[in-house]
Amino acid sequence: MIFPFVWRLMPGPVWLRVLLLLMLIAAIVAVLFQWVFPWVTTTFNIQDQSVEAVP
């Protein structure tokens, strides 16, 4: 798995590793919402989301 590999690469004691890991996750989420998701919606034209009822 990737998590044990990342955990071994991180420096410092456990509390610092947890803090760094939380900051890393927050940065990844921020990048996704700032650049990746808007690019996907404009590239694949999925702006209109609607559900039609089937009679």
N, C-alpha and C. Protein backbone atom coordinates (compact mmCIF):
# COMPACT_ATOMS: atom_id res chain seq x y z
N MET A 1 0.83 -1.20 0.00
CA MET A 1 0.00 0.00 0.00
C MET A 1 0.86 1.24 0.00
N ILE A 2 0.27 2.34 -0.38
CA ILE A 2 1.00 3.60 -0.46
C ILE A 2 1.14 4.26 0.92
N PHE A 3 0.16 4.08 1.81
CA PHE A 3 0.20 4.76 3.09
C PHE A 3 1.42 4.41 3.94
N PRO A 4 1.77 3.13 4.10
CA PRO A 4 2.98 2.83 4.89
C PRO A 4 4.25 3.42 4.26
N PHE A 5 4.31 3.46 2.94
CA PHE A 5 5.46 4.05 2.26
C PHE A 5 5.56 5.54 2.58
N VAL A 6 4.43 6.26 2.50
CA VAL A 6 4.42 7.69 2.81
C VAL A 6 4.74 7.91 4.29
N TRP A 7 4.21 7.08 5.16
CA TRP A 7 4.44 7.22 6.60
C TRP A 7 5.92 7.07 6.93
N ARG A 8 6.61 6.13 6.28
CA ARG A 8 8.04 5.92 6.54
C ARG A 8 8.87 7.08 6.01
N LEU A 9 8.44 7.73 4.94
CA LEU A 9 9.21 8.83 4.36
C LEU A 9 9.10 10.13 5.16
N MET A 10 8.05 10.26 5.94
CA MET A 10 7.82 11.51 6.67
C MET A 10 8.78 11.63 7.86
N PRO A 11 9.32 12.83 8.06
CA PRO A 11 10.26 13.02 9.17
C PRO A 11 9.55 13.32 10.48
N GLY A 12 10.26 13.15 11.58
CA GLY A 12 9.81 13.60 12.88
C GLY A 12 9.03 12.57 13.67
N PRO A 13 8.59 13.00 14.86
CA PRO A 13 7.81 12.11 15.73
C PRO A 13 6.38 11.93 15.17
N VAL A 14 5.62 11.10 15.86
CA VAL A 14 4.29 10.74 15.37
C VAL A 14 3.38 11.96 15.25
N TRP A 15 3.39 12.86 16.24
CA TRP A 15 2.49 14.01 16.19
C TRP A 15 2.80 14.90 14.99
N LEU A 16 4.08 15.02 14.64
CA LEU A 16 4.45 15.82 13.47
C LEU A 16 4.05 15.12 12.18
N ARG A 17 4.17 13.81 12.15
CA ARG A 17 3.76 13.05 10.96
C ARG A 17 2.26 13.19 10.72
N VAL A 18 1.48 13.12 11.80
CA VAL A 18 0.03 13.27 11.68
C VAL A 18 -0.31 14.66 11.16
N LEU A 19 0.34 15.68 11.71
CA LEU A 19 0.11 17.05 11.27
C LEU A 19 0.48 17.23 9.79
N LEU A 20 1.62 16.70 9.40
CA LEU A 20 2.04 16.80 8.00
C LEU A 20 1.10 16.04 7.07
N LEU A 21 0.63 14.90 7.52
CA LEU A 21 -0.29 14.11 6.71
C LEU A 21 -1.62 14.84 6.53
N LEU A 22 -2.12 15.47 7.58
CA LEU A 22 -3.35 16.26 7.47
C LEU A 22 -3.17 17.45 6.53
N MET A 23 -2.03 18.09 6.61
CA MET A 23 -1.74 19.21 5.71
C MET A 23 -1.64 18.73 4.26
N LEU A 24 -1.04 17.57 4.06
CA LEU A 24 -0.93 17.00 2.71
C LEU A 24 -2.31 16.67 2.14
N ILE A 25 -3.16 16.09 2.94
CA ILE A 25 -4.52 15.77 2.49
C ILE A 25 -5.29 17.04 2.17
N ALA A 26 -5.16 18.07 3.01
CA ALA A 26 -5.84 19.34 2.76
C ALA A 26 -5.34 19.98 1.47
N ALA A 27 -4.04 19.89 1.21
CA ALA A 27 -3.49 20.46 -0.03
C ALA A 27 -4.00 19.71 -1.25
N ILE A 28 -4.09 18.40 -1.16
CA ILE A 28 -4.60 17.61 -2.28
C ILE A 28 -6.06 17.95 -2.56
N VAL A 29 -6.87 18.06 -1.52
CA VAL A 29 -8.28 18.42 -1.70
C VAL A 29 -8.40 19.82 -2.29
N ALA A 30 -7.58 20.76 -1.83
CA ALA A 30 -7.62 22.12 -2.37
C ALA A 30 -7.26 22.14 -3.85
N VAL A 31 -6.25 21.41 -4.25
CA VAL A 31 -5.86 21.35 -5.66
C VAL A 31 -6.98 20.74 -6.49
N LEU A 32 -7.61 19.70 -5.97
CA LEU A 32 -8.71 19.08 -6.70
C LEU A 32 -9.85 20.07 -6.93
N PHE A 33 -10.25 20.80 -5.89
CA PHE A 33 -11.36 21.73 -6.03
C PHE A 33 -11.00 22.99 -6.82
N GLN A 34 -9.74 23.42 -6.76
CA GLN A 34 -9.33 24.63 -7.46
C GLN A 34 -9.10 24.40 -8.95
N TRP A 35 -8.45 23.30 -9.32
CA TRP A 35 -8.03 23.14 -10.70
C TRP A 35 -8.56 21.88 -11.39
N VAL A 36 -8.58 20.76 -10.71
CA VAL A 36 -8.92 19.50 -11.39
C VAL A 36 -10.42 19.42 -11.69
N PHE A 37 -11.28 19.62 -10.70
CA PHE A 37 -12.71 19.48 -10.92
C PHE A 37 -13.24 20.50 -11.93
N PRO A 38 -12.85 21.79 -11.86
CA PRO A 38 -13.31 22.72 -12.91
C PRO A 38 -12.83 22.33 -14.30
N TRP A 39 -11.61 21.84 -14.41
CA TRP A 39 -11.10 21.42 -15.72
C TRP A 39 -11.92 20.25 -16.27
N VAL A 40 -12.27 19.30 -15.40
CA VAL A 40 -13.05 18.15 -15.84
C VAL A 40 -14.43 18.59 -16.30
N THR A 41 -15.08 19.50 -15.57
CA THR A 41 -16.43 19.91 -15.95
C THR A 41 -16.44 20.67 -17.27
N THR A 42 -15.42 21.49 -17.53
CA THR A 42 -15.40 22.20 -18.81
C THR A 42 -14.92 21.32 -19.95
N THR A 43 -14.03 20.41 -19.70
CA THR A 43 -13.52 19.54 -20.76
C THR A 43 -14.56 18.53 -21.21
N PHE A 44 -15.27 17.92 -20.28
CA PHE A 44 -16.21 16.88 -20.62
C PHE A 44 -17.66 17.37 -20.67
N ASN A 45 -17.86 18.69 -20.51
CA ASN A 45 -19.17 19.33 -20.65
C ASN A 45 -20.24 18.64 -19.80
N ILE A 46 -20.01 18.59 -18.52
CA ILE A 46 -20.98 17.98 -17.61
C ILE A 46 -21.56 19.03 -16.67
N GLN A 47 -21.84 20.23 -17.20
CA GLN A 47 -22.41 21.30 -16.40
C GLN A 47 -23.86 21.04 -16.00
N ASP A 48 -24.64 20.48 -16.91
CA ASP A 48 -26.05 20.28 -16.68
C ASP A 48 -26.30 18.90 -16.09
N GLN A 49 -26.70 18.89 -14.83
CA GLN A 49 -27.02 17.62 -14.19
C GLN A 49 -28.50 17.60 -13.89
N SER A 50 -29.20 16.71 -14.54
CA SER A 50 -30.63 16.59 -14.29
C SER A 50 -31.02 15.12 -14.32
N VAL A 51 -32.04 14.82 -13.56
CA VAL A 51 -32.54 13.46 -13.50
C VAL A 51 -33.99 13.52 -14.01
N GLU A 52 -34.27 12.71 -15.01
CA GLU A 52 -35.63 12.69 -15.55
C GLU A 52 -36.39 11.53 -14.93
N ALA A 53 -37.63 11.82 -14.62
CA ALA A 53 -38.50 10.78 -14.05
C ALA A 53 -39.03 9.91 -15.17
N VAL A 54 -38.99 8.62 -14.95
CA VAL A 54 -39.49 7.68 -15.94
C VAL A 54 -40.92 7.32 -15.54
N PRO A 55 -41.90 7.56 -16.43
CA PRO A 55 -43.31 7.27 -16.05
C PRO A 55 -43.60 5.79 -16.00
